[in-house]
Amino acid sequence: MSGRIHNLFIKPAHGQPMRAVQAVQADGGQGLAGDASYGRGKRQVLIIEQETLRRFELQPGQVRENMVIGGLTLADMPAGTRIQAGQALLEITGDCTPCNFLDDIRSGLQSEMEGQRGTLCRVVQGGPIRVGDAVQIVLAGQG
């Protein structure tokens, strides 16, 4: 089972608008080059499904995700699951907990998105990631 990357975003700094990009360099153990979450442990990359954005009538980048994918469901995948995204290898660290920021988009959105806010990953092996690249699960986690 595989999907595709529809959108990529970099967060230049915390609280700053997301910047859409066509390609990004993932660095092993660090995250996405140029992103404010670079160097963090568990929260290096946030992925959300295109289908989730549609269900909540949200635009790509609006919930501050780094990657929008289609055709592959990552929500509720166990930590340790490994994903090939372009030429990079990512490992799921857990689901992203909805924060108050979502209620700034629309009142009640934080509670509505519980369990559907996206999937947090860390970069295991670096490489370029581009819009249109395939995304697939290469190793199931032990949840």
C-alpha atoms as a PDB file:
ATOM      1  CA  MET A   1       0.000   0.000   0.000  1.00  0.00           C
ATOM      2  CA  SER A   2       1.408   3.381  -0.945  1.00  0.00           C
ATOM      3  CA  GLY A   3       0.388   6.989  -1.303  1.00  0.00           C
ATOM      4  CA  ARG A   4       1.751  10.223  -2.745  1.00  0.00           C
ATOM      5  CA  ILE A   5       2.978  13.507  -1.353  1.00  0.00           C
ATOM      6  CA  HIS A   6       0.611  16.291  -2.408  1.00  0.00           C
ATOM      7  CA  ASN A   7       2.103  19.229  -0.473  1.00  0.00           C
ATOM      8  CA  LEU A   8       5.286  20.063   1.453  1.00  0.00           C
ATOM      9  CA  PHE A   9       5.710  22.914   3.939  1.00  0.00           C
ATOM     10  CA  ILE A  10       8.514  24.393   6.000  1.00  0.00           C
ATOM     11  CA  LYS A  11       7.906  26.396   9.168  1.00  0.00           C
ATOM     12  CA  PRO A  12      10.645  29.084   9.059  1.00  0.00           C
ATOM     13  CA  ALA A  13      10.106  29.933  12.764  1.00  0.00           C
ATOM     14  CA  HIS A  14       7.582  29.123  15.488  1.00  0.00           C
ATOM     15  CA  GLY A  15       4.471  31.224  15.002  1.00  0.00           C
ATOM     16  CA  GLN A  16       5.465  32.214  11.445  1.00  0.00           C
ATOM     17  CA  PRO A  17       3.356  31.314   8.388  1.00  0.00           C
ATOM     18  CA  MET A  18       4.122  28.001   6.718  1.00  0.00           C
ATOM     19  CA  ARG A  19       6.051  28.213   3.448  1.00  0.00           C
ATOM     20  CA  ALA A  20       5.042  25.850   0.630  1.00  0.00           C
ATOM     21  CA  VAL A  21       7.997  24.174  -1.092  1.00  0.00           C
ATOM     22  CA  GLN A  22       8.339  21.712  -3.967  1.00  0.00           C
ATOM     23  CA  ALA A  23      11.243  19.833  -2.360  1.00  0.00           C
ATOM     24  CA  VAL A  24      12.970  19.586   0.995  1.00  0.00           C
ATOM     25  CA  GLN A  25      16.097  17.896   2.330  1.00  0.00           C
ATOM     26  CA  ALA A  26      15.501  15.526   5.249  1.00  0.00           C
ATOM     27  CA  ASP A  27      18.575  15.119   7.467  1.00  0.00           C
ATOM     28  CA  GLY A  28      18.956  11.925   9.508  1.00  0.00           C
ATOM     29  CA  GLY A  29      18.335  12.458  13.224  1.00  0.00           C
ATOM     30  CA  GLN A  30      17.571  16.155  12.684  1.00  0.00           C
ATOM     31  CA  GLY A  31      14.460  16.727  10.558  1.00  0.00           C
ATOM     32  CA  LEU A  32      13.740  18.933   7.574  1.00  0.00           C
ATOM     33  CA  ALA A  33      16.392  21.497   6.642  1.00  0.00           C
ATOM     34  CA  GLY A  34      15.117  25.019   7.227  1.00  0.00           C
ATOM     35  CA  ASP A  35      12.230  23.966   9.493  1.00  0.00           C
ATOM     36  CA  ALA A  36      11.796  25.364  13.014  1.00  0.00           C
ATOM     37  CA  SER A  37      11.456  21.801  14.394  1.00  0.00           C
ATOM     38  CA  TYR A  38      14.918  20.858  13.064  1.00  0.00           C
ATOM     39  CA  GLY A  39      16.923  19.094  15.764  1.00  0.00           C
ATOM     40  CA  ARG A  40      13.958  18.107  17.911  1.00  0.00           C
ATOM     41  CA  GLY A  41      13.620  14.520  19.077  1.00  0.00           C
ATOM     42  CA  LYS A  42      10.147  13.144  18.366  1.00  0.00           C
ATOM     43  CA  ARG A  43       8.556  16.042  16.516  1.00  0.00           C
ATOM     44  CA  GLN A  44      10.735  16.534  13.429  1.00  0.00           C
ATOM     45  CA  VAL A  45       8.064  16.021  10.745  1.00  0.00           C
ATOM     46  CA  LEU A  46       4.265  16.289  10.922  1.00  0.00           C
ATOM     47  CA  ILE A  47       2.293  14.396   8.260  1.00  0.00           C
ATOM     48  CA  ILE A  48      -1.454  14.633   7.692  1.00  0.00           C
ATOM     49  CA  GLU A  49      -3.701  12.855   5.209  1.00  0.00           C
ATOM     50  CA  GLN A  50      -5.316  14.898   2.439  1.00  0.00           C
ATOM     51  CA  GLU A  51      -8.567  13.089   3.240  1.00  0.00           C
ATOM     52  CA  THR A  52      -8.470  14.440   6.818  1.00  0.00           C
ATOM     53  CA  LEU A  53      -8.025  18.014   5.602  1.00  0.00           C
ATOM     54  CA  ARG A  54     -11.017  17.603   3.276  1.00  0.00           C
ATOM     55  CA  ARG A  55     -13.179  16.074   6.023  1.00  0.00           C
ATOM     56  CA  PHE A  56     -12.543  19.104   8.255  1.00  0.00           C
ATOM     57  CA  GLU A  57     -12.701  21.583   5.329  1.00  0.00           C
ATOM     58  CA  LEU A  58      -9.123  22.748   5.895  1.00  0.00           C
ATOM     59  CA  GLN A  59      -6.515  23.939   3.404  1.00  0.00           C
ATOM     60  CA  PRO A  60      -3.066  22.347   3.051  1.00  0.00           C
ATOM     61  CA  GLY A  61      -0.643  23.977   5.507  1.00  0.00           C
ATOM     62  CA  GLN A  62      -3.419  25.388   7.674  1.00  0.00           C
ATOM     63  CA  VAL A  63      -2.799  23.033  10.620  1.00  0.00           C
ATOM     64  CA  ARG A  64       0.985  23.590  10.339  1.00  0.00           C
ATOM     65  CA  GLU A  65       1.837  20.189   8.902  1.00  0.00           C
ATOM     66  CA  ASN A  66       5.016  19.580   6.927  1.00  0.00           C
ATOM     67  CA  MET A  67       3.592  17.020   4.550  1.00  0.00           C
ATOM     68  CA  VAL A  68       0.156  16.297   3.086  1.00  0.00           C
ATOM     69  CA  ILE A  69      -0.210  12.794   1.685  1.00  0.00           C
ATOM     70  CA  GLY A  70      -3.014  11.022  -0.130  1.00  0.00           C
ATOM     71  CA  GLY A  71      -3.866   7.362  -0.580  1.00  0.00           C
ATOM     72  CA  LEU A  72      -2.237   6.100   2.625  1.00  0.00           C
ATOM     73  CA  THR A  73      -3.591   6.294   6.169  1.00  0.00           C
ATOM     74  CA  LEU A  74      -1.019   6.853   8.906  1.00  0.00           C
ATOM     75  CA  ALA A  75      -3.359   7.878  11.758  1.00  0.00           C
ATOM     76  CA  ASP A  76      -3.200   5.366  14.632  1.00  0.00           C
ATOM     77  CA  MET A  77      -0.104   3.636  13.223  1.00  0.00           C
ATOM     78  CA  PRO A  78       2.054   2.423  16.104  1.00  0.00           C
ATOM     79  CA  ALA A  79       5.257   4.183  17.083  1.00  0.00           C
ATOM     80  CA  GLY A  80       8.230   2.569  15.398  1.00  0.00           C
ATOM     81  CA  THR A  81       6.473   2.159  12.043  1.00  0.00           C
ATOM     82  CA  ARG A  82       8.890   3.194   9.296  1.00  0.00           C
ATOM     83  CA  ILE A  83       7.844   5.088   6.194  1.00  0.00           C
ATOM     84  CA  GLN A  84       9.723   5.719   2.965  1.00  0.00           C
ATOM     85  CA  ALA A  85       8.950   9.278   1.813  1.00  0.00           C
ATOM     86  CA  GLY A  86      10.825  10.108  -1.352  1.00  0.00           C
ATOM     87  CA  GLN A  87      14.412   9.095  -0.628  1.00  0.00           C
ATOM     88  CA  ALA A  88      14.123   9.632   3.142  1.00  0.00           C
ATOM     89  CA  LEU A  89      13.250   7.065   5.790  1.00  0.00           C
ATOM     90  CA  LEU A  90      10.973   8.325   8.567  1.00  0.00           C
ATOM     91  CA  GLU A  91       9.870   6.652  11.783  1.00  0.00           C
ATOM     92  CA  ILE A  92       6.531   7.346  13.444  1.00  0.00           C
ATOM     93  CA  THR A  93       6.899   8.613  17.009  1.00  0.00           C
ATOM     94  CA  GLY A  94       3.148   8.981  17.651  1.00  0.00           C
ATOM     95  CA  ASP A  95      -0.040  10.827  16.849  1.00  0.00           C
ATOM     96  CA  CYS A  96       0.022  14.610  17.171  1.00  0.00           C
ATOM     97  CA  THR A  97      -2.149  15.876  20.023  1.00  0.00           C
ATOM     98  CA  PRO A  98      -4.497  18.677  18.930  1.00  0.00           C
ATOM     99  CA  CYS A  99      -3.538  22.026  20.479  1.00  0.00           C
ATOM    100  CA  ASN A 100      -5.396  25.296  21.214  1.00  0.00           C
ATOM    101  CA  PHE A 101      -4.064  26.719  17.938  1.00  0.00           C
ATOM    102  CA  LEU A 102      -6.778  24.714  16.143  1.00  0.00           C
ATOM    103  CA  ASP A 103      -9.526  26.637  17.935  1.00  0.00           C
ATOM    104  CA  ASP A 104      -8.045  29.831  16.439  1.00  0.00           C
ATOM    105  CA  ILE A 105      -8.859  28.366  13.013  1.00  0.00           C
ATOM    106  CA  ARG A 106     -12.397  27.376  14.007  1.00  0.00           C
ATOM    107  CA  SER A 107     -14.057  27.168  17.407  1.00  0.00           C
ATOM    108  CA  GLY A 108     -14.255  23.540  18.576  1.00  0.00           C
ATOM    109  CA  LEU A 109     -11.750  22.243  16.004  1.00  0.00           C
ATOM    110  CA  GLN A 110      -9.289  21.137  18.706  1.00  0.00           C
ATOM    111  CA  SER A 111     -11.763  18.627  20.163  1.00  0.00           C
ATOM    112  CA  GLU A 112     -13.131  17.656  16.724  1.00  0.00           C
ATOM    113  CA  MET A 113      -9.653  16.645  15.525  1.00  0.00           C
ATOM    114  CA  GLU A 114      -8.809  14.460  18.543  1.00  0.00           C
ATOM    115  CA  GLY A 115      -6.990  11.400  17.153  1.00  0.00           C
ATOM    116  CA  GLN A 116      -6.866  12.918  13.651  1.00  0.00           C
ATOM    117  CA  ARG A 117      -4.400  15.829  14.022  1.00  0.00           C
ATOM    118  CA  GLY A 118      -1.636  14.103  12.075  1.00  0.00           C
ATOM    119  CA  THR A 119       1.311  11.797  12.616  1.00  0.00           C
ATOM    120  CA  LEU A 120       4.643  12.846  14.106  1.00  0.00           C
ATOM    121  CA  CYS A 121       7.848  11.355  12.730  1.00  0.00           C
ATOM    122  CA  ARG A 122      11.588  11.574  13.117  1.00  0.00           C
ATOM    123  CA  VAL A 123      14.054  11.256  10.257  1.00  0.00           C
ATOM    124  CA  VAL A 124      16.002   7.984  10.427  1.00  0.00           C
ATOM    125  CA  GLN A 125      17.824   8.288   7.106  1.00  0.00           C
ATOM    126  CA  GLY A 126      18.066  11.537   5.202  1.00  0.00           C
ATOM    127  CA  GLY A 127      17.430  12.309   1.573  1.00  0.00           C
ATOM    128  CA  PRO A 128      15.416  14.575  -0.679  1.00  0.00           C
ATOM    129  CA  ILE A 129      11.619  14.589  -0.504  1.00  0.00           C
ATOM    130  CA  ARG A 130       9.600  16.112  -3.345  1.00  0.00           C
ATOM    131  CA  VAL A 131       5.952  16.838  -4.076  1.00  0.00           C
ATOM    132  CA  GLY A 132       4.690  13.850  -6.083  1.00  0.00           C
ATOM    133  CA  ASP A 133       7.044  11.322  -4.437  1.00  0.00           C
ATOM    134  CA  ALA A 134       5.661   8.013  -3.249  1.00  0.00           C
ATOM    135  CA  VAL A 135       5.084   7.338   0.459  1.00  0.00           C
ATOM    136  CA  GLN A 136       4.903   3.782   1.734  1.00  0.00           C
ATOM    137  CA  ILE A 137       5.132   1.793   4.911  1.00  0.00           C
ATOM    138  CA  VAL A 138       8.323  -0.288   4.882  1.00  0.00           C
ATOM    139  CA  LEU A 139       8.269  -1.670   8.437  1.00  0.00           C
ATOM    140  CA  ALA A 140       5.251  -2.032  10.706  1.00  0.00           C
ATOM    141  CA  GLY A 141       5.654  -0.859  14.295  1.00  0.00           C
ATOM    142  CA  GLN A 142       5.026  -3.134  17.235  1.00  0.00           C
ATOM    143  CA  GLY A 143       2.466  -0.791  18.887  1.00  0.00           C
END
